[in-house]
């Protein structure tokens, strides 16, 4: 994914983490002045059958709605900037918060 641009806007520049549900990347928003950093989270499905895709899409849209509402309502939760699918993969774009990881 490094160097790839999603949605003709979000250029992946670094891997931030990887886990059981997907990968998290640092990206640049190429549409905004100064190309600010953001976080792109990619949901990876182990089962890509049509039934699982349908369920995942519903859950993904619900999660995006919740993230949007709580992120805009609480200063300590990153804002959701976008959510979309591309090539049957699910992506969330969130505010980048510079600092230490939770493990640190």
PDB file of N, CA and C in Angstrom:
ATOM      1  N   UNK A   1       0.816  -1.206   0.000  1.00  0.00           N
ATOM      2  CA  UNK A   1       0.000   0.000   0.000  1.00  0.00           C
ATOM      3  C   UNK A   1       0.862   1.275   0.000  1.00  0.00           C
ATOM      4  N   UNK A   2       2.105   1.186   0.440  1.00  0.00           N
ATOM      5  CA  UNK A   2       2.940   2.381   0.495  1.00  0.00           C
ATOM      6  C   UNK A   2       3.036   3.036  -0.877  1.00  0.00           C
ATOM      7  N   UNK A   3       2.818   4.330  -0.907  1.00  0.00           N
ATOM      8  CA  UNK A   3       2.872   5.083  -2.150  1.00  0.00           C
ATOM      9  C   UNK A   3       1.566   5.092  -2.935  1.00  0.00           C
ATOM     10  N   UNK A   4       0.637   4.236  -2.575  1.00  0.00           N
ATOM     11  CA  UNK A   4      -0.651   4.172  -3.269  1.00  0.00           C
ATOM     12  C   UNK A   4      -1.536   5.347  -2.842  1.00  0.00           C
ATOM     13  N   UNK A   5      -2.329   5.862  -3.766  1.00  0.00           N
ATOM     14  CA  UNK A   5      -3.275   6.931  -3.463  1.00  0.00           C
ATOM     15  C   UNK A   5      -4.687   6.372  -3.565  1.00  0.00           C
ATOM     16  N   UNK A   6      -5.421   6.480  -2.483  1.00  0.00           N
ATOM     17  CA  UNK A   6      -6.794   5.998  -2.422  1.00  0.00           C
ATOM     18  C   UNK A   6      -7.747   7.131  -2.737  1.00  0.00           C
ATOM     19  N   UNK A   7      -8.763   6.804  -3.507  1.00  0.00           N
ATOM     20  CA  UNK A   7      -9.826   7.750  -3.844  1.00  0.00           C
ATOM     21  C   UNK A   7      -9.276   9.016  -4.500  1.00  0.00           C
ATOM     22  N   UNK A   8      -8.140   8.876  -5.160  1.00  0.00           N
ATOM     23  CA  UNK A   8      -7.462  10.014  -5.800  1.00  0.00           C
ATOM     24  C   UNK A   8      -7.198  11.148  -4.817  1.00  0.00           C
ATOM     25  N   UNK A   9      -7.026  10.804  -3.541  1.00  0.00           N
ATOM     26  CA  UNK A   9      -6.888  11.854  -2.527  1.00  0.00           C
ATOM     27  C   UNK A   9      -5.923  11.509  -1.409  1.00  0.00           C
ATOM     28  N   UNK A  10      -5.984  10.295  -0.864  1.00  0.00           N
ATOM     29  CA  UNK A  10      -5.231   9.939   0.329  1.00  0.00           C
ATOM     30  C   UNK A  10      -4.009   9.102  -0.045  1.00  0.00           C
ATOM     31  N   UNK A  11      -2.831   9.722   0.027  1.00  0.00           N
ATOM     32  CA  UNK A  11      -1.590   9.046  -0.350  1.00  0.00           C
ATOM     33  C   UNK A  11      -0.979   8.367   0.880  1.00  0.00           C
ATOM     34  N   UNK A  12      -0.823   7.057   0.794  1.00  0.00           N
ATOM     35  CA  UNK A  12      -0.284   6.272   1.902  1.00  0.00           C
ATOM     36  C   UNK A  12       1.221   6.491   1.980  1.00  0.00           C
ATOM     37  N   UNK A  13       1.710   6.903   3.168  1.00  0.00           N
ATOM     38  CA  UNK A  13       3.130   7.194   3.309  1.00  0.00           C
ATOM     39  C   UNK A  13       3.849   6.310   4.331  1.00  0.00           C
ATOM     40  N   UNK A  14       3.086   5.675   5.240  1.00  0.00           N
ATOM     41  CA  UNK A  14       3.748   4.868   6.274  1.00  0.00           C
ATOM     42  C   UNK A  14       2.748   3.897   6.893  1.00  0.00           C
ATOM     43  N   UNK A  15       3.226   2.723   7.261  1.00  0.00           N
ATOM     44  CA  UNK A  15       2.406   1.767   8.010  1.00  0.00           C
ATOM     45  C   UNK A  15       2.511   2.140   9.484  1.00  0.00           C
ATOM     46  N   UNK A  16       1.365   2.314  10.135  1.00  0.00           N
ATOM     47  CA  UNK A  16       1.353   2.617  11.562  1.00  0.00           C
ATOM     48  C   UNK A  16       1.128   1.375  12.412  1.00  0.00           C
ATOM     49  N   UNK A  17       0.365   0.425  11.885  1.00  0.00           N
ATOM     50  CA  UNK A  17       0.084  -0.775  12.659  1.00  0.00           C
ATOM     51  C   UNK A  17      -0.717  -1.768  11.861  1.00  0.00           C
ATOM     52  N   UNK A  18      -0.770  -2.973  12.394  1.00  0.00           N
ATOM     53  CA  UNK A  18      -1.501  -4.049  11.742  1.00  0.00           C
ATOM     54  C   UNK A  18      -2.081  -4.935  12.824  1.00  0.00           C
ATOM     55  N   UNK A  19      -3.285  -5.424  12.582  1.00  0.00           N
ATOM     56  CA  UNK A  19      -3.925  -6.268  13.582  1.00  0.00           C
ATOM     57  C   UNK A  19      -4.854  -7.267  12.945  1.00  0.00           C
ATOM     58  N   UNK A  20      -5.672  -7.892  13.767  1.00  0.00           N
ATOM     59  CA  UNK A  20      -6.557  -8.940  13.304  1.00  0.00           C
ATOM     60  C   UNK A  20      -7.643  -8.468  12.347  1.00  0.00           C
ATOM     61  N   UNK A  21      -8.028  -7.200  12.443  1.00  0.00           N
ATOM     62  CA  UNK A  21      -9.105  -6.699  11.597  1.00  0.00           C
ATOM     63  C   UNK A  21      -8.622  -5.874  10.417  1.00  0.00           C
ATOM     64  N   UNK A  22      -7.342  -5.511  10.404  1.00  0.00           N
ATOM     65  CA  UNK A  22      -6.872  -4.720   9.281  1.00  0.00           C
ATOM     66  C   UNK A  22      -5.576  -3.999   9.559  1.00  0.00           C
ATOM     67  N   UNK A  23      -5.313  -2.998   8.732  1.00  0.00           N
ATOM     68  CA  UNK A  23      -4.071  -2.250   8.797  1.00  0.00           C
ATOM     69  C   UNK A  23      -4.382  -0.768   8.957  1.00  0.00           C
ATOM     70  N   UNK A  24      -3.431  -0.057   9.569  1.00  0.00           N
ATOM     71  CA  UNK A  24      -3.564   1.378   9.790  1.00  0.00           C
ATOM     72  C   UNK A  24      -2.355   2.072   9.177  1.00  0.00           C
ATOM     73  N   UNK A  25      -2.648   3.150   8.426  1.00  0.00           N
ATOM     74  CA  UNK A  25      -1.598   3.847   7.696  1.00  0.00           C
ATOM     75  C   UNK A  25      -1.624   5.342   7.992  1.00  0.00           C
ATOM     76  N   UNK A  26      -0.446   5.949   7.919  1.00  0.00           N
ATOM     77  CA  UNK A  26      -0.334   7.392   7.895  1.00  0.00           C
ATOM     78  C   UNK A  26      -0.438   7.806   6.438  1.00  0.00           C
ATOM     79  N   UNK A  27      -1.244   8.823   6.170  1.00  0.00           N
ATOM     80  CA  UNK A  27      -1.445   9.261   4.792  1.00  0.00           C
ATOM     81  C   UNK A  27      -1.402  10.783   4.724  1.00  0.00           C
ATOM     82  N   UNK A  28      -1.316  11.289   3.499  1.00  0.00           N
ATOM     83  CA  UNK A  28      -1.406  12.716   3.239  1.00  0.00           C
ATOM     84  C   UNK A  28      -2.682  12.978   2.473  1.00  0.00           C
ATOM     85  N   UNK A  29      -3.409  14.023   2.870  1.00  0.00           N
ATOM     86  CA  UNK A  29      -4.609  14.430   2.147  1.00  0.00           C
ATOM     87  C   UNK A  29      -4.169  15.360   1.024  1.00  0.00           C
ATOM     88  N   UNK A  30      -4.100  14.843  -0.186  1.00  0.00           N
ATOM     89  CA  UNK A  30      -3.557  15.569  -1.327  1.00  0.00           C
ATOM     90  C   UNK A  30      -4.487  16.677  -1.818  1.00  0.00           C
ATOM     91  N   UNK A  31      -5.734  16.715  -1.338  1.00  0.00           N
ATOM     92  CA  UNK A  31      -6.696  17.731  -1.785  1.00  0.00           C
ATOM     93  C   UNK A  31      -6.645  19.019  -0.974  1.00  0.00           C
ATOM     94  N   UNK A  32      -6.011  18.984   0.191  1.00  0.00           N
ATOM     95  CA  UNK A  32      -6.025  20.154   1.061  1.00  0.00           C
ATOM     96  C   UNK A  32      -4.690  20.887   1.033  1.00  0.00           C
ATOM     97  N   UNK A  33      -4.722  22.192   1.260  1.00  0.00           N
ATOM     98  CA  UNK A  33      -3.476  22.963   1.286  1.00  0.00           C
ATOM     99  C   UNK A  33      -2.517  22.423   2.338  1.00  0.00           C
ATOM    100  N   UNK A  34      -1.268  22.312   1.982  1.00  0.00           N
ATOM    101  CA  UNK A  34      -0.265  21.801   2.906  1.00  0.00           C
ATOM    102  C   UNK A  34      -0.231  20.292   3.012  1.00  0.00           C
ATOM    103  N   UNK A  35      -1.153  19.622   2.334  1.00  0.00           N
ATOM    104  CA  UNK A  35      -1.227  18.155   2.342  1.00  0.00           C
ATOM    105  C   UNK A  35      -1.107  17.590   3.773  1.00  0.00           C
ATOM    106  N   UNK A  36      -2.082  17.919   4.629  1.00  0.00           N
ATOM    107  CA  UNK A  36      -2.000  17.488   6.031  1.00  0.00           C
ATOM    108  C   UNK A  36      -2.067  15.967   6.179  1.00  0.00           C
ATOM    109  N   UNK A  37      -1.499  15.516   7.283  1.00  0.00           N
ATOM    110  CA  UNK A  37      -1.513  14.084   7.576  1.00  0.00           C
ATOM    111  C   UNK A  37      -2.883  13.660   8.083  1.00  0.00           C
ATOM    112  N   UNK A  38      -3.200  12.398   7.818  1.00  0.00           N
ATOM    113  CA  UNK A  38      -4.414  11.776   8.330  1.00  0.00           C
ATOM    114  C   UNK A  38      -4.115  10.296   8.517  1.00  0.00           C
ATOM    115  N   UNK A  39      -5.043   9.591   9.097  1.00  0.00           N
ATOM    116  CA  UNK A  39      -4.904   8.150   9.322  1.00  0.00           C
ATOM    117  C   UNK A  39      -5.922   7.425   8.458  1.00  0.00           C
ATOM    118  N   UNK A  40      -5.462   6.412   7.747  1.00  0.00           N
ATOM    119  CA  UNK A  40      -6.344   5.568   6.945  1.00  0.00           C
ATOM    120  C   UNK A  40      -6.347   4.181   7.576  1.00  0.00           C
ATOM    121  N   UNK A  41      -7.538   3.724   7.921  1.00  0.00           N
ATOM    122  CA  UNK A  41      -7.693   2.379   8.477  1.00  0.00           C
ATOM    123  C   UNK A  41      -8.361   1.507   7.432  1.00  0.00           C
ATOM    124  N   UNK A  42      -7.746   0.378   7.160  1.00  0.00           N
ATOM    125  CA  UNK A  42      -8.260  -0.562   6.165  1.00  0.00           C
ATOM    126  C   UNK A  42      -8.770  -1.812   6.876  1.00  0.00           C
ATOM    127  N   UNK A  43     -10.040  -2.110   6.695  1.00  0.00           N
ATOM    128  CA  UNK A  43     -10.643  -3.316   7.245  1.00  0.00           C
ATOM    129  C   UNK A  43     -10.368  -4.456   6.282  1.00  0.00           C
ATOM    130  N   UNK A  44      -9.835  -5.538   6.804  1.00  0.00           N
ATOM    131  CA  UNK A  44      -9.566  -6.708   5.964  1.00  0.00           C
ATOM    132  C   UNK A  44     -10.482  -7.855   6.392  1.00  0.00           C
ATOM    133  N   UNK A  45     -11.246  -8.352   5.435  1.00  0.00           N
ATOM    134  CA  UNK A  45     -12.138  -9.472   5.713  1.00  0.00           C
ATOM    135  C   UNK A  45     -11.435 -10.778   5.376  1.00  0.00           C
ATOM    136  N   UNK A  46     -11.536 -11.734   6.278  1.00  0.00           N
ATOM    137  CA  UNK A  46     -10.951 -13.054   6.009  1.00  0.00           C
ATOM    138  C   UNK A  46     -11.829 -13.850   5.047  1.00  0.00           C
ATOM    139  N   UNK A  47     -13.131 -13.636   5.141  1.00  0.00           N
ATOM    140  CA  UNK A  47     -14.101 -14.305   4.272  1.00  0.00           C
ATOM    141  C   UNK A  47     -14.684 -13.254   3.331  1.00  0.00           C
ATOM    142  N   UNK A  48     -14.513 -13.434   2.042  1.00  0.00           N
ATOM    143  CA  UNK A  48     -14.974 -12.429   1.070  1.00  0.00           C
ATOM    144  C   UNK A  48     -16.230 -12.856   0.321  1.00  0.00           C
ATOM    145  N   UNK A  49     -16.972 -13.792   0.883  1.00  0.00           N
ATOM    146  CA  UNK A  49     -18.212 -14.221   0.241  1.00  0.00           C
ATOM    147  C   UNK A  49     -19.217 -13.074   0.223  1.00  0.00           C
ATOM    148  N   UNK A  50     -20.188 -13.144  -0.670  1.00  0.00           N
ATOM    149  CA  UNK A  50     -21.182 -12.081  -0.817  1.00  0.00           C
ATOM    150  C   UNK A  50     -21.959 -11.855   0.479  1.00  0.00           C
ATOM    151  N   UNK A  51     -22.298 -12.921   1.179  1.00  0.00           N
ATOM    152  CA  UNK A  51     -23.057 -12.780   2.427  1.00  0.00           C
ATOM    153  C   UNK A  51     -22.240 -12.036   3.482  1.00  0.00           C
ATOM    154  N   UNK A  52     -20.986 -12.390   3.617  1.00  0.00           N
ATOM    155  CA  UNK A  52     -20.115 -11.730   4.596  1.00  0.00           C
ATOM    156  C   UNK A  52     -19.865 -10.278   4.186  1.00  0.00           C
ATOM    157  N   UNK A  53     -19.678 -10.036   2.896  1.00  0.00           N
ATOM    158  CA  UNK A  53     -19.474  -8.664   2.406  1.00  0.00           C
ATOM    159  C   UNK A  53     -20.676  -7.781   2.768  1.00  0.00           C
ATOM    160  N   UNK A  54     -21.874  -8.296   2.599  1.00  0.00           N
ATOM    161  CA  UNK A  54     -23.080  -7.539   2.898  1.00  0.00           C
ATOM    162  C   UNK A  54     -23.163  -7.193   4.381  1.00  0.00           C
ATOM    163  N   UNK A  55     -22.907  -8.165   5.232  1.00  0.00           N
ATOM    164  CA  UNK A  55     -22.926  -7.933   6.678  1.00  0.00           C
ATOM    165  C   UNK A  55     -21.834  -6.944   7.067  1.00  0.00           C
ATOM    166  N   UNK A  56     -20.644  -7.137   6.519  1.00  0.00           N
ATOM    167  CA  UNK A  56     -19.523  -6.249   6.826  1.00  0.00           C
ATOM    168  C   UNK A  56     -19.823  -4.818   6.395  1.00  0.00           C
ATOM    169  N   UNK A  57     -20.443  -4.641   5.239  1.00  0.00           N
ATOM    170  CA  UNK A  57     -20.769  -3.299   4.756  1.00  0.00           C
ATOM    171  C   UNK A  57     -21.733  -2.602   5.728  1.00  0.00           C
ATOM    172  N   UNK A  58     -22.749  -3.325   6.200  1.00  0.00           N
ATOM    173  CA  UNK A  58     -23.697  -2.741   7.155  1.00  0.00           C
ATOM    174  C   UNK A  58     -23.014  -2.357   8.462  1.00  0.00           C
ATOM    175  N   UNK A  59     -22.172  -3.238   8.983  1.00  0.00           N
ATOM    176  CA  UNK A  59     -21.457  -2.950  10.226  1.00  0.00           C
ATOM    177  C   UNK A  59     -20.474  -1.795  10.044  1.00  0.00           C
ATOM    178  N   UNK A  60     -19.806  -1.769   8.891  1.00  0.00           N
ATOM    179  CA  UNK A  60     -18.851  -0.721   8.573  1.00  0.00           C
ATOM    180  C   UNK A  60     -19.544   0.642   8.525  1.00  0.00           C
ATOM    181  N   UNK A  61     -20.689   0.712   7.873  1.00  0.00           N
ATOM    182  CA  UNK A  61     -21.424   1.973   7.781  1.00  0.00           C
ATOM    183  C   UNK A  61     -21.925   2.420   9.152  1.00  0.00           C
ATOM    184  N   UNK A  62     -22.343   1.474   9.961  1.00  0.00           N
ATOM    185  CA  UNK A  62     -22.802   1.810  11.318  1.00  0.00           C
ATOM    186  C   UNK A  62     -21.639   2.328  12.167  1.00  0.00           C
ATOM    187  N   UNK A  63     -20.479   1.666  12.069  1.00  0.00           N
ATOM    188  CA  UNK A  63     -19.310   2.121  12.819  1.00  0.00           C
ATOM    189  C   UNK A  63     -18.900   3.525  12.376  1.00  0.00           C
ATOM    190  N   UNK A  64     -18.911   3.776  11.076  1.00  0.00           N
ATOM    191  CA  UNK A  64     -18.554   5.103  10.564  1.00  0.00           C
ATOM    192  C   UNK A  64     -19.509   6.162  11.122  1.00  0.00           C
ATOM    193  N   UNK A  65     -20.788   5.847  11.174  1.00  0.00           N
ATOM    194  CA  UNK A  65     -21.773   6.794  11.715  1.00  0.00           C
ATOM    195  C   UNK A  65     -21.482   7.103  13.180  1.00  0.00           C
ATOM    196  N   UNK A  66     -21.201   6.070  13.978  1.00  0.00           N
ATOM    197  CA  UNK A  66     -20.891   6.269  15.394  1.00  0.00           C
ATOM    198  C   UNK A  66     -19.602   7.070  15.571  1.00  0.00           C
ATOM    199  N   UNK A  67     -18.579   6.719  14.810  1.00  0.00           N
ATOM    200  CA  UNK A  67     -17.306   7.439  14.905  1.00  0.00           C
ATOM    201  C   UNK A  67     -17.483   8.911  14.558  1.00  0.00           C
ATOM    202  N   UNK A  68     -18.286   9.175  13.548  1.00  0.00           N
ATOM    203  CA  UNK A  68     -18.526  10.553  13.141  1.00  0.00           C
ATOM    204  C   UNK A  68     -19.211  11.337  14.260  1.00  0.00           C
ATOM    205  N   UNK A  69     -20.210  10.722  14.865  1.00  0.00           N
ATOM    206  CA  UNK A  69     -20.957  11.403  15.926  1.00  0.00           C
ATOM    207  C   UNK A  69     -20.111  11.633  17.178  1.00  0.00           C
ATOM    208  N   UNK A  70     -19.423  10.606  17.649  1.00  0.00           N
ATOM    209  CA  UNK A  70     -18.666  10.777  18.899  1.00  0.00           C
ATOM    210  C   UNK A  70     -17.378  11.567  18.682  1.00  0.00           C
ATOM    211  N   UNK A  71     -16.763  11.431  17.498  1.00  0.00           N
ATOM    212  CA  UNK A  71     -15.551  12.196  17.220  1.00  0.00           C
ATOM    213  C   UNK A  71     -15.822  13.681  17.167  1.00  0.00           C
ATOM    214  N   UNK A  72     -16.953  14.066  16.629  1.00  0.00           N
ATOM    215  CA  UNK A  72     -17.302  15.483  16.557  1.00  0.00           C
ATOM    216  C   UNK A  72     -17.803  16.011  17.896  1.00  0.00           C
ATOM    217  N   UNK A  73     -18.188  15.135  18.794  1.00  0.00           N
ATOM    218  CA  UNK A  73     -18.757  15.557  20.072  1.00  0.00           C
ATOM    219  C   UNK A  73     -17.739  15.542  21.213  1.00  0.00           C
ATOM    220  N   UNK A  74     -16.610  14.877  21.024  1.00  0.00           N
ATOM    221  CA  UNK A  74     -15.658  14.728  22.123  1.00  0.00           C
ATOM    222  C   UNK A  74     -14.253  15.095  21.668  1.00  0.00           C
ATOM    223  N   UNK A  75     -13.583  16.001  22.362  1.00  0.00           N
ATOM    224  CA  UNK A  75     -12.270  16.481  21.908  1.00  0.00           C
ATOM    225  C   UNK A  75     -11.140  15.446  21.988  1.00  0.00           C
ATOM    226  N   UNK A  76     -11.337  14.349  22.702  1.00  0.00           N
ATOM    227  CA  UNK A  76     -10.270  13.361  22.831  1.00  0.00           C
ATOM    228  C   UNK A  76     -10.456  12.158  21.921  1.00  0.00           C
ATOM    229  N   UNK A  77     -11.410  12.241  21.011  1.00  0.00           N
ATOM    230  CA  UNK A  77     -11.634  11.181  20.032  1.00  0.00           C
ATOM    231  C   UNK A  77     -11.375  11.774  18.650  1.00  0.00           C
ATOM    232  N   UNK A  78     -10.521  11.136  17.856  1.00  0.00           N
ATOM    233  CA  UNK A  78     -10.206  11.687  16.524  1.00  0.00           C
ATOM    234  C   UNK A  78     -11.454  11.817  15.658  1.00  0.00           C
ATOM    235  N   UNK A  79     -11.483  12.890  14.872  1.00  0.00           N
ATOM    236  CA  UNK A  79     -12.595  13.123  13.951  1.00  0.00           C
ATOM    237  C   UNK A  79     -12.534  12.158  12.774  1.00  0.00           C
ATOM    238  N   UNK A  80     -13.697  11.749  12.318  1.00  0.00           N
ATOM    239  CA  UNK A  80     -13.803  10.944  11.102  1.00  0.00           C
ATOM    240  C   UNK A  80     -13.952  11.898   9.929  1.00  0.00           C
ATOM    241  N   UNK A  81     -13.053  11.790   8.951  1.00  0.00           N
ATOM    242  CA  UNK A  81     -13.100  12.649   7.773  1.00  0.00           C
ATOM    243  C   UNK A  81     -13.844  12.006   6.613  1.00  0.00           C
ATOM    244  N   UNK A  82     -13.725  10.684   6.469  1.00  0.00           N
ATOM    245  CA  UNK A  82     -14.346  10.003   5.329  1.00  0.00           C
ATOM    246  C   UNK A  82     -14.403   8.508   5.607  1.00  0.00           C
ATOM    247  N   UNK A  83     -15.310   7.845   4.905  1.00  0.00           N
ATOM    248  CA  UNK A  83     -15.328   6.389   4.856  1.00  0.00           C
ATOM    249  C   UNK A  83     -15.780   6.002   3.462  1.00  0.00           C
ATOM    250  N   UNK A  84     -15.206   4.917   2.949  1.00  0.00           N
ATOM    251  CA  UNK A  84     -15.508   4.518   1.577  1.00  0.00           C
ATOM    252  C   UNK A  84     -15.046   3.092   1.337  1.00  0.00           C
ATOM    253  N   UNK A  85     -15.526   2.535   0.243  1.00  0.00           N
ATOM    254  CA  UNK A  85     -15.019   1.250  -0.223  1.00  0.00           C
ATOM    255  C   UNK A  85     -14.314   1.487  -1.553  1.00  0.00           C
ATOM    256  N   UNK A  86     -13.283   0.708  -1.760  1.00  0.00           N
ATOM    257  CA  UNK A  86     -12.538   0.774  -3.012  1.00  0.00           C
ATOM    258  C   UNK A  86     -12.035  -0.635  -3.298  1.00  0.00           C
ATOM    259  N   UNK A  87     -12.341  -1.152  -4.476  1.00  0.00           N
ATOM    260  CA  UNK A  87     -11.968  -2.520  -4.850  1.00  0.00           C
ATOM    261  C   UNK A  87     -12.435  -3.534  -3.799  1.00  0.00           C
ATOM    262  N   UNK A  88     -13.673  -3.368  -3.337  1.00  0.00           N
ATOM    263  CA  UNK A  88     -14.284  -4.258  -2.342  1.00  0.00           C
ATOM    264  C   UNK A  88     -13.546  -4.273  -1.008  1.00  0.00           C
ATOM    265  N   UNK A  89     -12.793  -3.219  -0.714  1.00  0.00           N
ATOM    266  CA  UNK A  89     -12.133  -3.079   0.580  1.00  0.00           C
ATOM    267  C   UNK A  89     -12.716  -1.860   1.274  1.00  0.00           C
ATOM    268  N   UNK A  90     -12.726  -1.897   2.597  1.00  0.00           N
ATOM    269  CA  UNK A  90     -13.349  -0.854   3.405  1.00  0.00           C
ATOM    270  C   UNK A  90     -12.274   0.030   4.033  1.00  0.00           C
ATOM    271  N   UNK A  91     -12.498   1.361   3.994  1.00  0.00           N
ATOM    272  CA  UNK A  91     -11.527   2.306   4.525  1.00  0.00           C
ATOM    273  C   UNK A  91     -12.215   3.384   5.358  1.00  0.00           C
ATOM    274  N   UNK A  92     -11.561   3.757   6.466  1.00  0.00           N
ATOM    275  CA  UNK A  92     -11.950   4.901   7.279  1.00  0.00           C
ATOM    276  C   UNK A  92     -10.787   5.897   7.228  1.00  0.00           C
ATOM    277  N   UNK A  93     -11.086   7.179   7.139  1.00  0.00           N
ATOM    278  CA  UNK A  93     -10.064   8.215   7.184  1.00  0.00           C
ATOM    279  C   UNK A  93     -10.353   9.077   8.403  1.00  0.00           C
ATOM    280  N   UNK A  94      -9.361   9.147   9.288  1.00  0.00           N
ATOM    281  CA  UNK A  94      -9.542   9.860  10.545  1.00  0.00           C
ATOM    282  C   UNK A  94      -8.448  10.901  10.752  1.00  0.00           C
ATOM    283  N   UNK A  95      -8.716  11.778  11.689  1.00  0.00           N
ATOM    284  CA  UNK A  95      -7.762  12.792  12.103  1.00  0.00           C
ATOM    285  C   UNK A  95      -6.494  12.114  12.631  1.00  0.00           C
ATOM    286  N   UNK A  96      -5.340  12.642  12.255  1.00  0.00           N
ATOM    287  CA  UNK A  96      -4.074  12.153  12.793  1.00  0.00           C
ATOM    288  C   UNK A  96      -3.762  12.934  14.064  1.00  0.00           C
ATOM    289  N   UNK A  97      -3.488  12.209  15.148  1.00  0.00           N
ATOM    290  CA  UNK A  97      -3.119  12.823  16.405  1.00  0.00           C
ATOM    291  C   UNK A  97      -1.674  12.416  16.687  1.00  0.00           C
ATOM    292  N   UNK A  98      -0.792  13.393  16.657  1.00  0.00           N
ATOM    293  CA  UNK A  98       0.624  13.113  16.881  1.00  0.00           C
ATOM    294  C   UNK A  98       0.863  12.869  18.363  1.00  0.00           C
ATOM    295  N   UNK A  99       1.644  11.876  18.667  1.00  0.00           N
ATOM    296  CA  UNK A  99       1.941  11.577  20.070  1.00  0.00           C
ATOM    297  C   UNK A  99       2.451  10.160  20.212  1.00  0.00           C
ATOM    298  N   UNK A 100       2.367   9.658  21.416  1.00  0.00           N
ATOM    299  CA  UNK A 100       2.845   8.311  21.723  1.00  0.00           C
ATOM    300  C   UNK A 100       1.732   7.295  21.506  1.00  0.00           C
ATOM    301  N   UNK A 101       2.118   6.056  21.228  1.00  0.00           N
ATOM    302  CA  UNK A 101       1.121   4.994  21.124  1.00  0.00           C
ATOM    303  C   UNK A 101       0.583   4.671  22.528  1.00  0.00           C
ATOM    304  N   UNK A 102      -0.536   3.984  22.574  1.00  0.00           N
ATOM    305  CA  UNK A 102      -1.099   3.609  23.875  1.00  0.00           C
ATOM    306  C   UNK A 102      -0.164   2.675  24.646  1.00  0.00           C
ATOM    307  N   UNK A 103       0.621   1.885  23.918  1.00  0.00           N
ATOM    308  CA  UNK A 103       1.566   0.994  24.597  1.00  0.00           C
ATOM    309  C   UNK A 103       2.662   1.777  25.314  1.00  0.00           C
ATOM    310  N   UNK A 104       3.017   2.931  24.757  1.00  0.00           N
ATOM    311  CA  UNK A 104       4.053   3.761  25.389  1.00  0.00           C
ATOM    312  C   UNK A 104       3.481   4.513  26.551  1.00  0.00           C
TER     313      UNK A 104
END
